[in-house]
Amino acid sequence: MDHTSLRVFAAVAREGSLSRAAQRLHLTQPALSLQLKALQARLGVRLFERTPRGMRLTPDGAALLPLADRVLAAQREFDGAAQRLRQQVRGELAIGTILDPEFTRLGAFLRELVETAPHVQTTLRQGMSGEVLQRLDAGEHDVGYYLGDPNADRAAPGRYRVRTLTAFTYRVLAPAGWGPQVQGRGWAELAALPWIETPPESAHHRLLRRTLEPLGLRVRRVALVDQEASMLDLVRSGVGLSLVRDAVAIREAQARGLVVADRVALDCVLSFVSLADRAREPAVAAAWSALERVWGREAGPGGEPG
């Protein structure tokens, strides 16, 4: 059934006049009369009777009016739902993740994103900070977490939209019993000890290089790993030193007797990034909005890397 005919029926019933109903619906009176006649012919019942004061519902018309109202309300609800669906963000979002999910608040971020943009399909890809930027540049990631300021690290001011989430400190962690070798020692003495290094794409590598190269130093590498769990296991096994997040270093010192160097530390920040020229794309913008709701407007205190 043409819902225009039902709207004509309901309008005439409430206005009690063909002319007023035509004005309300922005129709000519002849067009409205044709719609009403066609509806009555289709239904096989008289809906109105003419009176000196206008149009009055017949008993049949009065019985059908509530049903017509329900049909028109259902149509409005249907149209509204369709409009909301058209306005909802859709698409796919590839997220570069680092570190452990608790530190980056990844679970809370994804929950907020799913609730506010349910039609965005997310893909998570774990890696190191440098890999996140490489994949952003290649279009393989849409957003991601990073340790540091990518605009400064890449000497590309304005290339990335960056939000600093939290600051934290890296500490040098040594095997149990290495207190005499590391306590009270500076970078020159520590660099000469065995080290568990990470690939160039990692924040560990970037921070150590930035600190040691001006001093003319390089660490003595005995192993190369790209997973924090593997680094910790090697330190626990007595293989060598490694950079770890402050919270992890304290936990390992208390639980396993590992040694934290007391003279050196490296500051870092956890950031959320995307390419600046893609920040307004609907799915990317939805990710930024979800991030702001989880982390707030200002960076929080404390933290760790990845």
Protein backbone atom coordinates (compact mmCIF):
# COMPACT_ATOMS: atom_id res chain seq x y z
CA MET A 1 0.00 0.00 0.00
CA ASP A 2 1.12 3.52 -0.83
CA HIS A 3 1.78 5.17 2.52
CA THR A 4 0.90 8.54 1.01
CA SER A 5 -2.74 7.43 0.99
CA LEU A 6 -2.52 6.52 4.67
CA ARG A 7 -0.98 9.92 5.47
CA VAL A 8 -3.86 11.59 3.59
CA PHE A 9 -6.40 9.53 5.53
CA ALA A 10 -4.81 10.40 8.89
CA ALA A 11 -4.45 14.09 8.04
CA VAL A 12 -8.07 14.50 6.88
CA ALA A 13 -9.27 12.65 9.99
CA ARG A 14 -7.39 15.03 12.28
CA GLU A 15 -7.99 18.27 10.38
CA GLY A 16 -11.63 17.53 9.54
CA SER A 17 -11.13 19.42 6.28
CA LEU A 18 -9.76 18.57 2.85
CA SER A 19 -8.25 22.02 2.38
CA ARG A 20 -6.47 22.10 5.76
CA ALA A 21 -5.19 18.55 5.23
CA ALA A 22 -3.88 19.51 1.78
CA GLN A 23 -2.00 22.47 3.27
CA ARG A 24 -0.52 20.28 6.03
CA LEU A 25 0.73 17.70 3.51
CA HIS A 26 1.79 20.28 0.89
CA LEU A 27 -0.55 18.77 -1.70
CA THR A 28 -3.17 20.34 -3.92
CA GLN A 29 -6.74 19.64 -2.83
CA PRO A 30 -7.58 17.73 -6.07
CA ALA A 31 -4.51 15.50 -5.61
CA LEU A 32 -5.49 14.83 -1.99
CA SER A 33 -9.08 13.99 -3.01
CA LEU A 34 -7.81 11.49 -5.62
CA GLN A 35 -5.60 9.78 -3.03
CA LEU A 36 -8.51 9.50 -0.62
CA LYS A 37 -10.89 8.12 -3.27
CA ALA A 38 -8.30 5.57 -4.39
CA LEU A 39 -7.80 4.39 -0.80
CA GLN A 40 -11.54 3.99 -0.18
CA ALA A 41 -11.92 2.12 -3.46
CA ARG A 42 -9.06 -0.22 -2.58
CA LEU A 43 -10.40 -0.90 0.91
CA GLY A 44 -14.05 -1.15 -0.21
CA VAL A 45 -15.26 0.97 2.69
CA ARG A 46 -16.29 4.56 3.21
CA LEU A 47 -13.88 6.36 5.51
CA PHE A 48 -15.57 9.79 5.70
CA GLU A 49 -18.88 11.48 5.30
CA ARG A 50 -19.29 15.11 4.36
CA THR A 51 -21.00 17.43 6.80
CA PRO A 52 -21.64 21.17 6.71
CA ARG A 53 -18.65 21.56 9.06
CA GLY A 54 -16.27 19.41 7.01
CA MET A 55 -15.19 15.75 6.87
CA ARG A 56 -16.23 13.34 9.63
CA LEU A 57 -15.00 9.78 10.12
CA THR A 58 -17.45 6.99 9.52
CA PRO A 59 -17.49 4.13 12.07
CA ASP A 60 -15.32 2.13 9.64
CA GLY A 61 -12.92 5.05 9.31
CA ALA A 62 -12.74 5.46 13.08
CA ALA A 63 -11.91 1.76 13.45
CA LEU A 64 -9.12 1.92 10.85
CA LEU A 65 -7.48 5.20 11.97
CA PRO A 66 -5.49 3.69 14.92
CA LEU A 67 -4.19 0.98 12.61
CA ALA A 68 -3.16 3.57 10.02
CA ASP A 69 -1.35 5.49 12.76
CA ARG A 70 0.55 2.35 13.75
CA VAL A 71 1.57 1.67 10.15
CA LEU A 72 2.80 5.26 9.70
CA ALA A 73 4.70 5.14 13.02
CA ALA A 74 6.36 1.89 11.95
CA GLN A 75 7.36 3.51 8.66
CA ARG A 76 8.88 6.49 10.50
CA GLU A 77 10.79 4.10 12.77
CA PHE A 78 11.97 2.14 9.73
CA ASP A 79 13.12 5.30 7.93
CA GLY A 80 14.88 6.56 11.07
CA ALA A 81 16.74 3.28 11.55
CA ALA A 82 17.85 3.34 7.92
CA GLN A 83 19.10 6.91 8.30
CA ARG A 84 21.05 6.02 11.44
CA LEU A 85 22.65 3.10 9.61
CA ARG A 86 23.65 5.38 6.74
CA GLN A 87 25.29 7.74 9.21
CA GLN A 88 27.21 5.05 11.09
CA VAL A 89 30.90 4.62 10.41
CA ARG A 90 31.76 1.51 8.42
CA GLY A 91 34.91 -0.07 7.12
CA GLU A 92 38.02 -1.81 8.37
CA LEU A 93 40.63 -0.56 10.84
CA ALA A 94 44.10 -2.09 11.17
CA ILE A 95 45.65 -1.30 14.56
CA GLY A 96 49.35 -1.66 15.30
CA THR A 97 49.82 -2.80 18.89
CA ILE A 98 52.91 -2.97 21.09
CA LEU A 99 53.71 -4.00 24.65
CA ASP A 100 51.15 -5.67 26.85
CA PRO A 101 47.43 -4.83 26.41
CA GLU A 102 46.99 -3.73 30.02
CA PHE A 103 49.61 -0.99 29.73
CA THR A 104 48.18 0.39 26.47
CA ARG A 105 44.55 0.00 27.71
CA LEU A 106 43.90 -1.90 24.52
CA GLY A 107 40.87 -3.76 25.86
CA ALA A 108 39.11 -0.59 27.03
CA PHE A 109 39.95 1.13 23.73
CA LEU A 110 38.51 -1.72 21.64
CA ARG A 111 35.39 -1.95 23.81
CA GLU A 112 34.74 1.78 23.34
CA LEU A 113 35.36 1.50 19.60
CA VAL A 114 33.00 -1.47 19.22
CA GLU A 115 30.26 0.30 21.19
CA THR A 116 30.50 3.60 19.31
CA ALA A 117 31.35 2.27 15.83
CA PRO A 118 29.93 -1.27 15.72
CA HIS A 119 30.25 -1.55 11.94
CA VAL A 120 34.01 -0.97 11.93
CA GLN A 121 35.88 -4.26 11.69
CA THR A 122 39.21 -4.21 13.53
CA THR A 123 42.41 -6.15 12.91
CA LEU A 124 45.20 -6.14 15.51
CA ARG A 125 48.83 -6.61 14.53
CA GLN A 126 51.44 -6.91 17.26
CA GLY A 127 54.94 -5.63 16.60
CA MET A 128 57.63 -3.17 17.58
CA SER A 129 57.35 0.62 17.52
CA GLY A 130 59.35 1.06 14.34
CA GLU A 131 57.25 -1.55 12.58
CA VAL A 132 54.09 0.37 13.47
CA LEU A 133 55.42 3.46 11.64
CA GLN A 134 56.62 1.41 8.68
CA ARG A 135 53.17 -0.13 8.30
CA LEU A 136 51.43 3.22 8.73
CA ASP A 137 53.58 4.64 5.94
CA ALA A 138 52.84 1.62 3.74
CA GLY A 139 49.09 1.83 4.36
CA GLU A 140 49.05 -1.52 6.19
CA HIS A 141 48.09 0.11 9.51
CA ASP A 142 45.49 2.82 10.02
CA VAL A 143 46.38 3.71 13.61
CA GLY A 144 48.80 2.34 16.17
CA TYR A 145 50.76 2.68 19.38
CA TYR A 146 54.32 3.98 19.37
CA LEU A 147 57.06 4.64 21.90
CA GLY A 148 58.33 8.19 21.51
CA ASP A 149 57.45 11.03 19.13
CA PRO A 150 57.40 9.74 15.54
CA ASN A 151 57.54 13.23 14.02
CA ALA A 152 60.82 13.87 15.83
CA ASP A 153 62.21 10.37 15.36
CA ARG A 154 61.56 10.47 11.63
CA ALA A 155 62.47 14.16 11.26
CA ALA A 156 59.12 14.61 9.54
CA PRO A 157 57.27 17.43 11.34
CA GLY A 158 53.53 17.16 10.91
CA ARG A 159 53.55 13.84 9.06
CA TYR A 160 51.89 12.00 11.95
CA ARG A 161 49.04 12.93 14.22
CA VAL A 162 50.34 12.05 17.68
CA ARG A 163 48.74 11.84 21.12
CA THR A 164 51.06 11.27 24.09
CA LEU A 165 49.25 8.85 26.39
CA THR A 166 51.65 8.38 29.29
CA ALA A 167 55.28 8.82 30.30
CA PHE A 168 57.44 6.09 31.80
CA THR A 169 61.07 5.13 32.43
CA TYR A 170 63.28 2.35 31.12
CA ARG A 171 65.70 0.80 33.57
CA VAL A 172 68.70 -1.47 33.01
CA LEU A 173 67.96 -4.91 34.47
CA ALA A 174 70.74 -7.37 35.29
CA PRO A 175 70.78 -11.02 36.44
CA ALA A 176 70.67 -11.89 40.12
CA GLY A 177 74.07 -11.56 41.75
CA TRP A 178 75.32 -8.90 39.31
CA GLY A 179 75.02 -6.11 41.87
CA PRO A 180 78.78 -5.37 42.00
CA GLN A 181 78.96 -5.05 38.19
CA VAL A 182 75.99 -2.67 37.81
CA GLN A 183 75.32 -0.78 41.05
CA GLY A 184 76.88 2.65 40.99
CA ARG A 185 78.00 2.18 37.37
CA GLY A 186 77.51 4.59 34.48
CA TRP A 187 76.92 3.91 30.80
CA ALA A 188 80.59 3.27 29.99
CA GLU A 189 80.87 0.42 32.53
CA LEU A 190 77.44 -0.99 31.71
CA ALA A 191 77.98 -0.99 27.93
CA ALA A 192 81.05 -3.20 28.38
CA LEU A 193 78.95 -5.95 30.00
CA PRO A 194 77.02 -8.58 28.00
CA TRP A 195 73.73 -7.21 26.61
CA ILE A 196 70.55 -8.69 25.20
CA GLU A 197 69.81 -6.34 22.32
CA THR A 198 66.68 -5.75 20.26
CA PRO A 199 66.25 -5.06 16.50
CA PRO A 200 66.60 -1.52 15.09
CA GLU A 201 62.80 -1.24 14.85
CA SER A 202 62.44 -1.38 18.65
CA ALA A 203 62.32 1.53 21.07
CA HIS A 204 65.06 -0.17 23.14
CA HIS A 205 67.49 0.00 20.25
CA ARG A 206 66.55 3.57 19.36
CA LEU A 207 66.93 4.87 22.92
CA LEU A 208 70.23 3.10 23.56
CA ARG A 209 71.73 4.30 20.28
CA ARG A 210 70.63 7.87 20.98
CA THR A 211 72.23 7.73 24.43
CA LEU A 212 75.42 5.84 23.69
CA GLU A 213 76.52 7.13 20.27
CA PRO A 214 77.34 10.66 21.53
CA LEU A 215 79.51 8.98 24.18
CA GLY A 216 81.28 6.88 21.56
CA LEU A 217 79.86 3.71 23.12
CA ARG A 218 78.14 0.55 21.90
CA VAL A 219 76.79 -2.28 24.00
CA ARG A 220 78.44 -5.68 23.86
CA ARG A 221 75.70 -7.78 22.32
CA VAL A 222 75.48 -11.48 23.17
CA ALA A 223 71.90 -12.06 22.00
CA LEU A 224 69.31 -10.38 19.76
CA VAL A 225 65.60 -10.87 20.60
CA ASP A 226 62.38 -9.09 19.70
CA GLN A 227 60.05 -10.20 22.50
CA GLU A 228 60.00 -8.82 26.04
CA ALA A 229 59.24 -12.26 27.48
CA SER A 230 62.35 -13.69 25.81
CA MET A 231 64.50 -10.80 27.05
CA LEU A 232 63.35 -11.32 30.62
CA ASP A 233 63.97 -15.05 30.44
CA LEU A 234 67.53 -14.47 29.25
CA VAL A 235 68.19 -11.95 32.02
CA ARG A 236 66.80 -14.37 34.58
CA SER A 237 69.07 -17.05 33.14
CA GLY A 238 72.14 -14.89 33.67
CA VAL A 239 72.88 -14.16 30.00
CA GLY A 240 73.17 -10.39 30.20
CA LEU A 241 71.58 -6.96 30.68
CA SER A 242 68.44 -5.57 29.10
CA LEU A 243 66.29 -2.47 29.11
CA VAL A 244 62.90 -3.05 30.73
CA ARG A 245 60.05 -0.88 31.83
CA ASP A 246 60.31 0.55 35.32
CA ALA A 247 57.32 -1.40 36.64
CA VAL A 248 58.69 -4.65 35.21
CA ALA A 249 62.15 -4.00 36.66
CA ILE A 250 60.74 -3.42 40.14
CA ARG A 251 58.60 -6.54 39.92
CA GLU A 252 61.52 -8.69 38.79
CA ALA A 253 63.80 -7.30 41.50
CA GLN A 254 61.25 -8.04 44.21
CA ALA A 255 60.11 -11.43 42.94
CA ARG A 256 63.35 -12.91 41.56
CA GLY A 257 66.19 -10.90 42.99
CA LEU A 258 67.25 -9.41 39.67
CA VAL A 259 69.36 -6.27 39.90
CA VAL A 260 68.31 -2.80 38.71
CA ALA A 261 71.12 -0.40 37.77
CA ASP A 262 70.81 2.62 40.02
CA ARG A 263 72.79 5.25 38.11
CA VAL A 264 71.12 5.25 34.70
CA ALA A 265 67.59 5.49 33.30
CA LEU A 266 65.97 6.40 29.98
CA ASP A 267 62.71 8.36 29.78
CA CYS A 268 60.11 7.50 27.16
CA VAL A 269 56.46 8.08 26.31
CA LEU A 270 53.68 5.90 24.97
CA SER A 271 51.94 7.56 22.01
CA PHE A 272 48.98 6.86 19.74
CA VAL A 273 49.56 7.75 16.09
CA SER A 274 48.09 7.88 12.62
CA LEU A 275 49.10 9.62 9.42
CA ALA A 276 48.01 13.26 9.75
CA ASP A 277 46.41 13.34 6.30
CA ARG A 278 44.21 10.34 7.18
CA ALA A 279 43.04 11.53 10.61
CA ARG A 280 39.63 12.61 9.30
CA GLU A 281 38.80 9.37 7.52
CA PRO A 282 35.65 8.02 9.23
CA ALA A 283 37.15 4.82 10.67
CA VAL A 284 40.37 6.56 11.74
CA ALA A 285 38.42 9.44 13.29
CA ALA A 286 36.27 6.90 15.18
CA ALA A 287 39.47 5.36 16.59
CA TRP A 288 40.71 8.76 17.78
CA SER A 289 37.35 9.50 19.41
CA ALA A 290 37.38 6.15 21.22
CA LEU A 291 40.95 6.79 22.38
CA GLU A 292 40.02 10.20 23.84
CA ARG A 293 37.15 8.67 25.81
CA VAL A 294 39.45 6.00 27.27
CA TRP A 295 42.51 8.15 27.99
CA GLY A 296 40.85 11.52 28.57
CA ARG A 297 42.09 14.84 27.26
CA GLU A 298 45.40 14.87 29.09
CA ALA A 299 48.16 12.28 29.30
CA GLY A 300 48.11 10.23 32.45
CA PRO A 301 51.02 9.66 34.83
CA GLY A 302 53.20 6.58 35.20
CA GLY A 303 53.75 3.89 32.64
CA GLU A 304 55.86 1.58 30.46
CA PRO A 305 56.99 1.00 26.76
CA GLY A 306 56.71 -1.35 23.81
